[in-house]
């Protein structure tokens, strides 16, 4: 069951995202950053690439919090994702993208049974 057509706030979305290929993530209307549990980006969809102005090839394989989006290296975003074993939280946030403030709604997803954790972005 892939996440194609998924809603940003739907229950059980983490399982659907795990069953979705990187190419299928491009069909979602919201940004998806898929990371391993260390924070290395393993998938970066088109909605997020367009919103952030970063090409996926520039992001893949890099540490999201320290190399891609240092504005997320804080107690609200990186700490819960890196330290909690189970996480499903939504919050309003402001990205500082190249000094441009961008209000977003974020969803943080993580489970000990998933090989991935996710930062979802709705602009």
Protein backbone atom coordinates (compact mmCIF):
# COMPACT_ATOMS: atom_id res chain seq x y z
CA UNK A 1 0.00 0.00 0.00
CA UNK A 2 1.83 3.09 -1.19
CA UNK A 3 1.29 6.63 0.07
CA UNK A 4 0.24 7.97 -3.32
CA UNK A 5 -2.77 10.19 -2.66
CA UNK A 6 -2.01 10.27 1.07
CA UNK A 7 -3.07 13.12 3.33
CA UNK A 8 -0.46 14.98 5.40
CA UNK A 9 -2.27 14.31 8.71
CA UNK A 10 -3.64 10.84 8.12
CA UNK A 11 -3.30 8.15 10.77
CA UNK A 12 -0.88 5.35 9.84
CA UNK A 13 1.00 7.44 7.31
CA UNK A 14 4.44 6.21 8.40
CA UNK A 15 3.61 2.63 7.32
CA UNK A 16 2.32 3.88 3.99
CA UNK A 17 5.44 6.00 3.42
CA UNK A 18 7.66 3.00 4.19
CA UNK A 19 5.84 1.05 1.46
CA UNK A 20 6.31 3.86 -1.07
CA UNK A 21 9.22 4.11 -3.49
CA UNK A 22 11.22 7.30 -3.82
CA UNK A 23 9.67 7.84 -7.28
CA UNK A 24 6.16 7.47 -5.86
CA UNK A 25 6.95 10.03 -3.14
CA UNK A 26 7.25 12.58 -5.96
CA UNK A 27 3.48 12.27 -6.51
CA UNK A 28 2.65 13.60 -3.04
CA UNK A 29 1.47 17.19 -2.66
CA UNK A 30 3.59 17.81 0.46
CA UNK A 31 7.32 17.66 1.07
CA UNK A 32 8.87 14.40 2.24
CA UNK A 33 12.36 13.99 3.64
CA UNK A 34 13.07 10.30 4.32
CA UNK A 35 16.08 9.67 6.53
CA UNK A 36 17.79 6.77 8.19
CA UNK A 37 17.82 6.85 11.99
CA UNK A 38 21.14 8.74 11.98
CA UNK A 39 19.65 11.62 9.96
CA UNK A 40 21.12 10.82 6.53
CA UNK A 41 18.69 11.65 3.70
CA UNK A 42 17.64 8.58 1.71
CA UNK A 43 14.75 10.14 -0.27
CA UNK A 44 13.78 13.73 -1.01
CA UNK A 45 10.62 14.26 -3.01
CA UNK A 46 9.85 16.82 -5.72
CA UNK A 47 7.46 18.89 -3.58
CA UNK A 48 10.20 19.45 -1.01
CA UNK A 49 12.86 20.04 -3.67
CA UNK A 50 10.72 22.76 -5.26
CA UNK A 51 9.71 24.33 -1.95
CA UNK A 52 13.26 24.44 -0.58
CA UNK A 53 14.93 25.18 -3.90
CA UNK A 54 17.33 22.25 -3.47
CA UNK A 55 17.85 19.51 -6.04
CA UNK A 56 17.55 15.97 -4.67
CA UNK A 57 21.06 15.06 -5.86
CA UNK A 58 22.41 17.86 -3.66
CA UNK A 59 20.59 16.46 -0.60
CA UNK A 60 20.69 12.66 -0.91
CA UNK A 61 23.31 10.97 1.24
CA UNK A 62 23.87 14.07 3.37
CA UNK A 63 23.04 14.60 7.03
CA UNK A 64 19.79 16.55 6.98
CA UNK A 65 20.15 18.49 10.22
CA UNK A 66 23.77 19.60 9.94
CA UNK A 67 24.37 19.75 6.17
CA UNK A 68 21.03 20.33 4.45
CA UNK A 69 18.82 22.29 6.86
CA UNK A 70 20.84 23.51 9.85
CA UNK A 71 17.83 25.59 10.92
CA UNK A 72 16.29 22.28 12.08
CA UNK A 73 19.19 21.37 14.38
CA UNK A 74 17.29 22.25 17.55
CA UNK A 75 15.11 20.85 20.36
CA UNK A 76 11.93 21.13 18.28
CA UNK A 77 13.00 19.15 15.21
CA UNK A 78 16.28 17.23 15.29
CA UNK A 79 16.28 16.24 18.96
CA UNK A 80 12.93 14.43 18.93
CA UNK A 81 13.68 12.69 15.64
CA UNK A 82 17.15 11.58 16.69
CA UNK A 83 16.39 10.75 20.33
CA UNK A 84 12.82 9.43 20.51
CA UNK A 85 12.04 5.86 19.48
CA UNK A 86 8.38 6.57 18.67
CA UNK A 87 7.24 9.90 17.30
CA UNK A 88 4.22 11.29 15.49
CA UNK A 89 3.97 15.03 16.00
CA UNK A 90 2.78 18.04 14.03
CA UNK A 91 3.99 21.56 14.64
CA UNK A 92 4.11 24.97 13.05
CA UNK A 93 7.64 26.09 12.25
CA UNK A 94 9.53 28.72 10.29
CA UNK A 95 12.33 27.58 8.00
CA UNK A 96 15.19 30.03 7.47
CA UNK A 97 16.01 29.13 3.88
CA UNK A 98 18.97 31.18 2.72
CA UNK A 99 17.83 33.95 5.07
CA UNK A 100 14.24 33.86 3.75
CA UNK A 101 11.73 33.04 6.48
CA UNK A 102 9.23 30.42 5.32
CA UNK A 103 6.32 29.39 7.58
CA UNK A 104 5.49 25.67 7.31
CA UNK A 105 3.58 22.91 9.05
CA UNK A 106 5.83 19.96 9.90
CA UNK A 107 5.04 16.38 10.78
CA UNK A 108 7.73 14.25 12.41
CA UNK A 109 7.35 10.48 12.09
CA UNK A 110 9.45 7.69 13.58
CA UNK A 111 8.91 4.14 14.79
CA UNK A 112 11.33 1.49 16.08
CA UNK A 113 9.98 -0.98 13.50
CA UNK A 114 10.64 1.35 10.56
CA UNK A 115 14.10 1.67 9.03
CA UNK A 116 13.26 5.31 8.26
CA UNK A 117 12.19 8.49 9.97
CA UNK A 118 10.38 11.27 8.18
CA UNK A 119 10.11 15.03 8.17
CA UNK A 120 7.02 16.05 6.22
CA UNK A 121 6.53 19.64 5.12
CA UNK A 122 3.31 21.39 4.17
CA UNK A 123 3.76 24.92 2.86
